[in-house]
Amino acid sequence: MKSEKSLRFGALFLCVFLAIFSEVLLSPFYPQFFSKVFGMEDLAYTGFYIFVCRLTVVICAPAWGFLARFWEVKYLLYAGQAGAAVMTALMATSTSANQFLAYTICLLLFKSSYLLVYPLIIQLAGKERQSAIAGTYQAVFHGAIVAGTIAGAWMVNLEAPLRLFYGVAAADLFQFCLCLFILKNVSTQQPEKSPAETTDAVGNQWEFILALGLVILTFQLANNLVRPFFTTYVTQSDKFNVDLVASSYLFMIPSVMAIAALPYIRKFCQSDRLSSIYLIGIGLLAVTLFLQGWTKSLGIVVLARIVYGFCLAVTQATLELRLFGSSSSDRLHFNYSLAMSFANLGHLAAPLLASWAVSTSNLAAPLWVAAAICLANLAFAKLTIFGGFPHPIRVEIQEQVPPARAKR
């Protein structure tokens, strides 16, 4: 039985890896891709494409979470995976950039259902294993980013890059078959709120969800703000004197450190420690972001990237654990999908704010703006989700003692 559970979790985490891998495959190389495949030289089109993709996920993600309250999650997942396989295959047949965009929108409509996998793993694992699952998720997530970035650099140099989308479609079809097999005898119906849960879990309060959403939005905004111009910053600055290859290594340090953070997250990210871990972590993120923009030493940049990557994984896992621990069982998928819409709003705004910061100041400005946003995030989180709202408390319903017996 234990080996069967391990196999099930391993298969679901493989689905997470493949989904993230295919998502980031082209993300650093869209300008080169559109230029080579469709002859689209206008860099503004890349920004428009990314904006539309993020907006699609913002709209579609809560819809899948809402549907999960009425239908079993595995059936929604099957539909999403099958639809994603079809649309990804159609993307390989695109003859223009606009047709490619139309297929992408349809793809993301289905692929937004993949956000149900993480809370499904949490649901199947149980509350007591949340920190272990969160740590593993961060390692898988960032491992997929590293692998996808490396593979994307190879993909964009192919003679016919579009053909590789048939391979991505095959991966979606493989996920569909894998989930069909491992979940066939598993109930993924969201359970009713158990008697051990409070009748009004804090995660069911719209005020808490809004506050948590704003924390997630500013967290993602700050940490995606530094991505668009980081390699340009370190290669064009006279302070560091690094080439493009070295800049890519610097860029990937945080993702590598996120994998290294797995044992810490599994051991220390317990519900009674989440507040202190998050507030210290977000404070260190602010310091290390400022140092990366201020220092003239490459060694300090490397050290700051190492600490930054470790704290990035820990703080992100802490936010997820606060959400899962505060949500009743019947709201788990909906709350997570709603939170991911806030995250995608942060992703959506980050390139725009980064471009503004660079155009009005210099290439180091996004790092400083991100540090300031982290400090604002720290203050707001302290006043709201780690201070203003009570921590989730599960209260067992005990048998009432009759008054007559109580007197005796």
Protein backbone atom coordinates (compact mmCIF):
# COMPACT_ATOMS: atom_id res chain seq x y z
CA MET A 1 0.00 0.00 0.00
CA LYS A 2 2.82 2.39 0.89
CA SER A 3 4.66 1.64 -2.36
CA GLU A 4 1.41 2.22 -4.27
CA LYS A 5 1.03 5.65 -2.67
CA SER A 6 4.66 6.52 -3.42
CA LEU A 7 4.14 5.50 -7.04
CA ARG A 8 1.02 7.66 -7.24
CA PHE A 9 2.77 10.72 -5.82
CA GLY A 10 5.79 10.13 -8.05
CA ALA A 11 3.54 9.97 -11.12
CA LEU A 12 1.70 13.19 -10.16
CA PHE A 13 4.98 15.01 -9.54
CA LEU A 14 6.17 13.78 -12.94
CA CYS A 15 3.06 15.46 -14.40
CA VAL A 16 4.02 18.68 -12.58
CA PHE A 17 7.56 18.47 -13.99
CA LEU A 18 6.39 17.89 -17.56
CA ALA A 19 3.82 20.70 -17.35
CA ILE A 20 6.34 23.28 -16.06
CA PHE A 21 9.03 22.00 -18.46
CA SER A 22 6.82 22.53 -21.50
CA GLU A 23 5.63 25.92 -20.19
CA VAL A 24 9.13 27.40 -19.83
CA LEU A 25 10.58 25.69 -22.90
CA LEU A 26 10.37 28.81 -25.06
CA SER A 27 9.74 31.56 -22.51
CA PRO A 28 13.31 33.02 -22.54
CA PHE A 29 13.54 32.75 -26.34
CA TYR A 30 10.22 34.03 -27.74
CA PRO A 31 11.80 36.92 -29.72
CA GLN A 32 14.18 34.51 -31.48
CA PHE A 33 11.36 31.97 -32.01
CA PHE A 34 8.92 34.44 -33.60
CA SER A 35 11.69 35.87 -35.76
CA LYS A 36 12.89 32.48 -37.04
CA VAL A 37 9.53 30.75 -37.51
CA PHE A 38 7.19 33.56 -38.56
CA GLY A 39 9.58 36.36 -39.57
CA MET A 40 8.15 38.55 -36.80
CA GLU A 41 10.89 41.05 -35.92
CA ASP A 42 8.75 43.37 -33.81
CA LEU A 43 9.77 42.81 -30.17
CA ALA A 44 6.49 44.38 -29.02
CA TYR A 45 4.64 41.33 -30.37
CA THR A 46 6.49 39.12 -27.87
CA GLY A 47 5.28 41.34 -25.04
CA PHE A 48 1.73 41.24 -26.42
CA TYR A 49 1.87 37.42 -26.71
CA ILE A 50 3.04 36.97 -23.12
CA PHE A 51 0.42 39.46 -21.87
CA VAL A 52 -2.41 37.56 -23.60
CA CYS A 53 -1.12 34.21 -22.24
CA ARG A 54 -1.00 35.48 -18.66
CA LEU A 55 -4.42 37.10 -18.93
CA THR A 56 -5.91 33.83 -20.23
CA VAL A 57 -4.62 31.93 -17.18
CA VAL A 58 -5.86 34.66 -14.82
CA ILE A 59 -9.38 34.20 -16.24
CA CYS A 60 -9.41 30.41 -16.65
CA ALA A 61 -7.69 29.20 -13.46
CA PRO A 62 -10.53 30.11 -11.02
CA ALA A 63 -13.03 28.52 -13.42
CA TRP A 64 -11.35 25.10 -13.07
CA GLY A 65 -11.22 25.54 -9.29
CA PHE A 66 -14.92 26.38 -9.26
CA LEU A 67 -15.74 23.31 -11.35
CA ALA A 68 -13.75 21.16 -8.90
CA ARG A 69 -16.42 21.88 -6.29
CA PHE A 70 -18.97 19.98 -8.38
CA TRP A 71 -17.02 17.37 -10.36
CA GLU A 72 -14.27 14.99 -9.40
CA VAL A 73 -10.85 16.54 -9.94
CA LYS A 74 -9.51 13.58 -11.91
CA TYR A 75 -12.21 13.94 -14.58
CA LEU A 76 -11.45 17.65 -14.95
CA LEU A 77 -7.77 16.78 -15.21
CA TYR A 78 -8.44 14.17 -17.89
CA ALA A 79 -10.39 16.73 -19.94
CA GLY A 80 -7.66 19.34 -19.55
CA GLN A 81 -4.85 16.96 -20.50
CA ALA A 82 -6.67 15.56 -23.55
CA GLY A 83 -7.58 19.06 -24.75
CA ALA A 84 -4.02 20.28 -24.18
CA ALA A 85 -2.60 17.41 -26.26
CA VAL A 86 -4.89 18.28 -29.20
CA MET A 87 -4.20 22.02 -29.08
CA THR A 88 -0.42 21.58 -28.71
CA ALA A 89 -0.39 19.35 -31.80
CA LEU A 90 -2.36 22.02 -33.70
CA MET A 91 0.25 24.63 -32.67
CA ALA A 92 2.80 22.65 -34.69
CA THR A 93 0.72 23.32 -37.82
CA SER A 94 0.64 27.12 -37.37
CA THR A 95 1.41 29.17 -40.49
CA SER A 96 1.33 32.63 -38.88
CA ALA A 97 2.04 34.26 -35.54
CA ASN A 98 -1.64 35.15 -35.04
CA GLN A 99 -2.72 31.56 -35.70
CA PHE A 100 -0.08 30.39 -33.22
CA LEU A 101 -1.49 32.86 -30.67
CA ALA A 102 -5.07 31.62 -31.22
CA TYR A 103 -4.01 28.01 -30.66
CA THR A 104 -2.05 29.09 -27.56
CA ILE A 105 -5.15 30.72 -26.03
CA CYS A 106 -7.14 27.52 -26.59
CA LEU A 107 -4.25 25.50 -25.17
CA LEU A 108 -4.11 27.58 -21.99
CA LEU A 109 -7.85 27.25 -21.54
CA PHE A 110 -7.27 23.50 -21.13
CA LYS A 111 -3.84 23.69 -19.52
CA SER A 112 -5.11 25.88 -16.68
CA SER A 113 -6.60 22.65 -15.32
CA TYR A 114 -3.03 21.51 -14.53
CA LEU A 115 -3.15 23.86 -11.53
CA LEU A 116 -5.43 21.27 -9.91
CA VAL A 117 -2.57 18.75 -9.64
CA TYR A 118 -0.72 20.39 -6.73
CA PRO A 119 -3.75 20.73 -4.40
CA LEU A 120 -4.77 17.20 -5.48
CA ILE A 121 -1.42 15.90 -4.18
CA ILE A 122 -1.99 17.82 -0.93
CA GLN A 123 -5.52 16.37 -0.69
CA LEU A 124 -4.31 12.78 -1.20
CA ALA A 125 -1.31 13.17 1.12
CA GLY A 126 -3.20 14.68 4.06
CA LYS A 127 -2.59 17.76 6.20
CA GLU A 128 0.21 16.14 8.20
CA ARG A 129 2.46 15.81 5.11
CA GLN A 130 1.96 19.30 3.73
CA SER A 131 5.50 20.59 4.43
CA ALA A 132 7.09 17.51 2.84
CA ILE A 133 4.88 17.87 -0.25
CA ALA A 134 5.56 21.62 -0.49
CA GLY A 135 9.32 21.05 -0.37
CA THR A 136 9.18 18.38 -3.04
CA TYR A 137 6.98 20.59 -5.21
CA GLN A 138 9.49 23.47 -5.06
CA ALA A 139 12.33 21.11 -6.03
CA VAL A 140 10.34 19.65 -8.95
CA PHE A 141 9.12 23.10 -10.06
CA HIS A 142 12.56 24.70 -10.19
CA GLY A 143 14.21 21.57 -11.57
CA ALA A 144 11.76 21.74 -14.48
CA ILE A 145 12.64 25.42 -15.02
CA VAL A 146 16.36 24.60 -15.25
CA ALA A 147 15.76 21.65 -17.60
CA GLY A 148 13.25 23.61 -19.72
CA THR A 149 15.59 26.60 -20.11
CA ILE A 150 18.46 24.37 -21.28
CA ALA A 151 16.21 22.43 -23.67
CA GLY A 152 14.66 25.65 -24.99
CA ALA A 153 18.07 26.99 -26.04
CA TRP A 154 18.53 23.80 -28.10
CA MET A 155 14.97 23.87 -29.46
CA VAL A 156 15.11 27.39 -30.86
CA ASN A 157 18.18 26.43 -32.92
CA LEU A 158 16.39 23.57 -34.69
CA GLU A 159 15.75 23.89 -38.39
CA ALA A 160 11.97 23.53 -37.84
CA PRO A 161 11.23 24.40 -34.17
CA LEU A 162 7.46 24.00 -34.62
CA ARG A 163 7.82 20.25 -35.06
CA LEU A 164 8.90 19.89 -31.46
CA PHE A 165 5.36 20.79 -30.42
CA TYR A 166 4.36 17.31 -31.55
CA GLY A 167 6.73 16.04 -28.84
CA VAL A 168 5.13 18.34 -26.27
CA ALA A 169 1.69 17.06 -27.37
CA ALA A 170 2.94 13.51 -26.86
CA ALA A 171 4.01 14.49 -23.32
CA ASP A 172 0.49 15.79 -22.62
CA LEU A 173 -0.98 12.57 -23.98
CA PHE A 174 1.43 10.59 -21.79
CA GLN A 175 0.25 12.56 -18.73
CA PHE A 176 -3.36 11.80 -19.66
CA CYS A 177 -2.65 8.05 -19.87
CA LEU A 178 -0.56 8.10 -16.68
CA CYS A 179 -3.26 9.87 -14.64
CA LEU A 180 -5.93 7.62 -16.13
CA PHE A 181 -3.98 4.62 -14.84
CA ILE A 182 -2.90 5.83 -11.38
CA LEU A 183 -6.20 7.53 -10.45
CA LYS A 184 -8.64 4.94 -11.82
CA ASN A 185 -9.41 3.49 -8.36
CA VAL A 186 -8.86 6.71 -6.42
CA SER A 187 -11.63 9.04 -5.32
CA THR A 188 -10.69 12.66 -6.02
CA GLN A 189 -14.05 14.09 -5.02
CA GLN A 190 -13.48 17.00 -2.68
CA PRO A 191 -14.70 15.85 0.73
CA GLU A 192 -17.19 17.76 2.79
CA LYS A 193 -15.74 19.76 5.64
CA SER A 194 -14.87 17.27 8.37
CA PRO A 195 -16.09 17.64 11.98
CA ALA A 196 -12.44 18.21 12.98
CA GLU A 197 -12.38 21.45 11.01
CA THR A 198 -13.67 24.73 12.29
CA THR A 199 -17.09 25.65 10.98
CA ASP A 200 -15.65 28.91 9.60
CA ALA A 201 -12.10 28.17 8.45
CA VAL A 202 -10.10 31.35 7.96
CA GLY A 203 -9.29 30.30 4.39
CA ASN A 204 -13.02 30.45 3.58
CA GLN A 205 -13.17 34.15 4.45
CA TRP A 206 -13.01 36.42 1.41
CA GLU A 207 -11.04 39.00 3.40
CA PHE A 208 -8.30 36.44 4.05
CA ILE A 209 -8.25 35.23 0.43
CA LEU A 210 -7.98 38.83 -0.80
CA ALA A 211 -5.17 39.63 1.64
CA LEU A 212 -3.30 36.44 0.75
CA GLY A 213 -3.87 37.14 -2.94
CA LEU A 214 -2.30 40.60 -2.60
CA VAL A 215 0.68 39.13 -0.75
CA ILE A 216 1.12 36.54 -3.52
CA LEU A 217 0.68 39.18 -6.22
CA THR A 218 3.39 41.49 -4.80
CA PHE A 219 5.64 38.49 -4.07
CA GLN A 220 5.44 37.30 -7.68
CA LEU A 221 5.70 40.85 -9.00
CA ALA A 222 8.95 41.46 -7.11
CA ASN A 223 10.57 38.16 -8.02
CA ASN A 224 9.59 38.24 -11.70
CA LEU A 225 10.57 41.88 -12.01
CA VAL A 226 14.27 40.96 -12.00
CA ARG A 227 14.05 38.29 -14.73
CA PRO A 228 13.63 40.18 -18.04
CA PHE A 229 16.80 42.30 -17.84
CA PHE A 230 19.05 40.38 -15.44
CA THR A 231 21.32 38.76 -18.05
CA THR A 232 21.53 42.10 -19.91
CA TYR A 233 22.43 43.84 -16.64
CA VAL A 234 25.35 41.55 -15.79
CA THR A 235 26.72 41.30 -19.35
CA GLN A 236 26.53 45.00 -20.25
CA SER A 237 27.77 46.30 -16.92
CA ASP A 238 31.47 47.15 -16.71
CA LYS A 239 31.37 46.08 -13.05
CA PHE A 240 31.25 42.32 -13.70
CA ASN A 241 32.74 41.59 -17.14
CA VAL A 242 30.86 38.33 -17.79
CA ASP A 243 29.79 36.80 -21.11
CA LEU A 244 26.38 35.44 -22.10
CA VAL A 245 27.15 31.88 -20.97
CA ALA A 246 28.28 33.04 -17.51
CA SER A 247 25.19 35.26 -17.22
CA SER A 248 22.94 32.24 -17.89
CA TYR A 249 24.65 30.40 -15.01
CA LEU A 250 24.06 33.39 -12.74
CA PHE A 251 20.44 33.47 -13.89
CA MET A 252 19.86 29.82 -12.97
CA ILE A 253 21.51 29.90 -9.50
CA PRO A 254 18.18 30.62 -7.69
CA SER A 255 16.48 27.64 -9.35
CA VAL A 256 19.36 25.35 -8.34
CA MET A 257 19.23 26.67 -4.77
CA ALA A 258 15.47 26.10 -4.68
CA ILE A 259 16.17 22.40 -5.21
CA ALA A 260 18.75 22.50 -2.41
CA ALA A 261 16.13 24.04 -0.08
CA LEU A 262 14.02 20.85 -0.16
CA PRO A 263 15.32 19.31 3.14
CA TYR A 264 14.89 22.61 5.01
CA ILE A 265 11.30 23.08 3.83
CA ARG A 266 10.35 19.51 4.71
CA LYS A 267 11.82 19.76 8.22
CA PHE A 268 11.16 23.30 9.39
CA CYS A 269 8.14 24.70 7.54
CA GLN A 270 5.55 23.68 10.12
CA SER A 271 2.36 25.65 10.79
CA ASP A 272 3.61 27.22 14.05
CA ARG A 273 6.77 28.52 12.33
CA LEU A 274 5.33 29.85 9.08
CA SER A 275 5.06 33.46 10.24
CA SER A 276 8.67 33.85 11.40
CA ILE A 277 10.08 31.86 8.46
CA TYR A 278 8.21 33.97 5.90
CA LEU A 279 8.98 37.36 7.46
CA ILE A 280 12.70 36.58 7.83
CA GLY A 281 12.79 35.07 4.33
CA ILE A 282 11.11 38.01 2.59
CA GLY A 283 13.42 40.39 4.48
CA LEU A 284 16.46 38.49 3.19
CA LEU A 285 15.00 38.59 -0.33
CA ALA A 286 14.87 42.39 -0.09
CA VAL A 287 18.47 42.60 1.15
CA THR A 288 19.88 40.25 -1.50
CA LEU A 289 17.98 41.97 -4.32
CA PHE A 290 19.37 45.34 -3.23
CA LEU A 291 22.90 43.93 -3.02
CA GLN A 292 22.70 42.53 -6.56
CA GLY A 293 21.88 45.99 -7.90
CA TRP A 294 24.31 47.89 -5.68
CA THR A 295 27.54 45.86 -5.55
CA LYS A 296 30.47 46.02 -7.96
CA SER A 297 31.75 42.59 -6.90
CA LEU A 298 30.85 39.50 -8.91
CA GLY A 299 31.51 37.37 -5.81
CA ILE A 300 28.86 39.28 -3.84
CA VAL A 301 26.41 38.86 -6.73
CA VAL A 302 26.99 35.09 -6.68
CA LEU A 303 26.58 34.93 -2.89
CA ALA A 304 23.46 37.10 -3.03
CA ARG A 305 21.96 34.90 -5.79
CA ILE A 306 22.59 31.78 -3.65
CA VAL A 307 20.86 33.24 -0.57
CA TYR A 308 18.14 34.75 -2.75
CA GLY A 309 17.34 31.40 -4.42
CA PHE A 310 17.18 29.54 -1.11
CA CYS A 311 14.87 32.14 0.47
CA LEU A 312 12.75 32.36 -2.69
CA ALA A 313 11.84 28.66 -2.49
CA VAL A 314 11.26 28.74 1.27
CA THR A 315 9.03 31.83 1.25
CA GLN A 316 7.00 30.58 -1.72
CA ALA A 317 6.45 27.23 0.00
CA THR A 318 5.46 29.09 3.19
CA LEU A 319 2.75 31.04 1.37
CA GLU A 320 1.39 27.84 -0.15
CA LEU A 321 1.35 26.11 3.24
CA ARG A 322 -0.46 29.07 4.81
CA LEU A 323 -3.10 28.79 2.08
CA PHE A 324 -3.49 25.00 2.32
CA GLY A 325 -3.47 24.99 6.13
CA SER A 326 -6.13 27.68 6.27
CA SER A 327 -8.51 26.19 3.70
CA SER A 328 -11.20 23.69 4.54
CA SER A 329 -11.11 20.48 2.51
CA ASP A 330 -14.05 21.47 0.32
CA ARG A 331 -12.39 24.75 -0.74
CA LEU A 332 -8.82 23.54 -1.34
CA HIS A 333 -8.80 23.54 -5.16
CA PHE A 334 -10.87 26.70 -5.54
CA ASN A 335 -8.73 28.71 -3.11
CA TYR A 336 -5.50 27.56 -4.77
CA SER A 337 -6.68 28.33 -8.31
CA LEU A 338 -7.86 31.77 -7.16
CA ALA A 339 -4.48 32.42 -5.51
CA MET A 340 -2.73 31.44 -8.75
CA SER A 341 -4.77 34.07 -10.59
CA PHE A 342 -3.25 36.68 -8.29
CA ALA A 343 0.18 35.17 -8.98
CA ASN A 344 -0.39 35.50 -12.72
CA LEU A 345 -1.42 39.12 -12.29
CA GLY A 346 2.02 39.62 -10.74
CA HIS A 347 3.62 37.82 -13.69
CA LEU A 348 1.58 40.04 -16.02
CA ALA A 349 2.66 43.32 -14.45
CA ALA A 350 6.33 42.41 -13.88
CA PRO A 351 7.67 42.93 -17.45
CA LEU A 352 5.80 46.23 -17.77
CA LEU A 353 7.18 47.55 -14.50
CA ALA A 354 10.68 46.27 -15.32
CA SER A 355 10.64 48.05 -18.70
CA TRP A 356 9.50 51.28 -17.02
CA ALA A 357 12.24 51.03 -14.36
CA VAL A 358 14.98 50.47 -16.97
CA SER A 359 13.75 53.25 -19.29
CA THR A 360 13.53 55.80 -16.48
CA SER A 361 16.73 54.80 -14.66
CA ASN A 362 19.18 52.00 -15.53
CA LEU A 363 19.48 48.20 -15.79
CA ALA A 364 19.99 47.85 -12.02
CA ALA A 365 16.70 49.64 -11.24
CA PRO A 366 14.45 46.52 -11.42
CA LEU A 367 16.51 44.95 -8.62
CA TRP A 368 16.05 48.00 -6.39
CA VAL A 369 12.32 48.30 -7.17
CA ALA A 370 11.91 44.57 -6.42
CA ALA A 371 13.68 45.04 -3.07
CA ALA A 372 11.29 47.87 -2.17
CA ILE A 373 8.26 45.76 -3.12
CA CYS A 374 9.57 42.92 -0.89
CA LEU A 375 9.75 45.32 2.08
CA ALA A 376 6.18 46.49 1.40
CA ASN A 377 5.14 42.84 1.11
CA LEU A 378 6.76 42.09 4.48
CA ALA A 379 4.84 44.90 6.22
CA PHE A 380 1.51 43.96 4.62
CA ALA A 381 1.93 40.22 5.33
CA LYS A 382 2.78 40.99 8.96
CA LEU A 383 -0.39 43.06 9.36
CA THR A 384 -2.70 40.61 7.58
CA ILE A 385 -2.10 36.92 6.88
CA PHE A 386 0.61 36.50 9.53
CA GLY A 387 -0.91 38.82 12.11
CA GLY A 388 -4.34 40.22 11.34
CA PHE A 389 -5.98 36.83 10.75
CA PRO A 390 -5.88 33.94 13.21
CA HIS A 391 -3.88 30.87 12.35
CA PRO A 392 -6.04 27.88 11.41
CA ILE A 393 -7.12 25.87 14.40
CA ARG A 394 -8.79 22.51 14.08
CA VAL A 395 -11.24 21.86 16.90
CA GLU A 396 -12.51 18.38 17.60
CA ILE A 397 -16.22 18.16 18.45
CA GLN A 398 -16.45 16.58 21.88
CA GLU A 399 -19.41 14.87 23.49
CA GLN A 400 -21.39 17.24 25.66
CA VAL A 401 -21.55 16.30 29.35
CA PRO A 402 -25.09 16.40 30.76
CA PRO A 403 -25.53 19.11 33.41
CA ALA A 404 -26.60 16.61 36.07
CA ARG A 405 -23.43 14.55 35.63
CA ALA A 406 -21.34 17.71 35.56
CA LYS A 407 -22.60 18.65 39.05
CA ARG A 408 -21.65 15.28 40.46
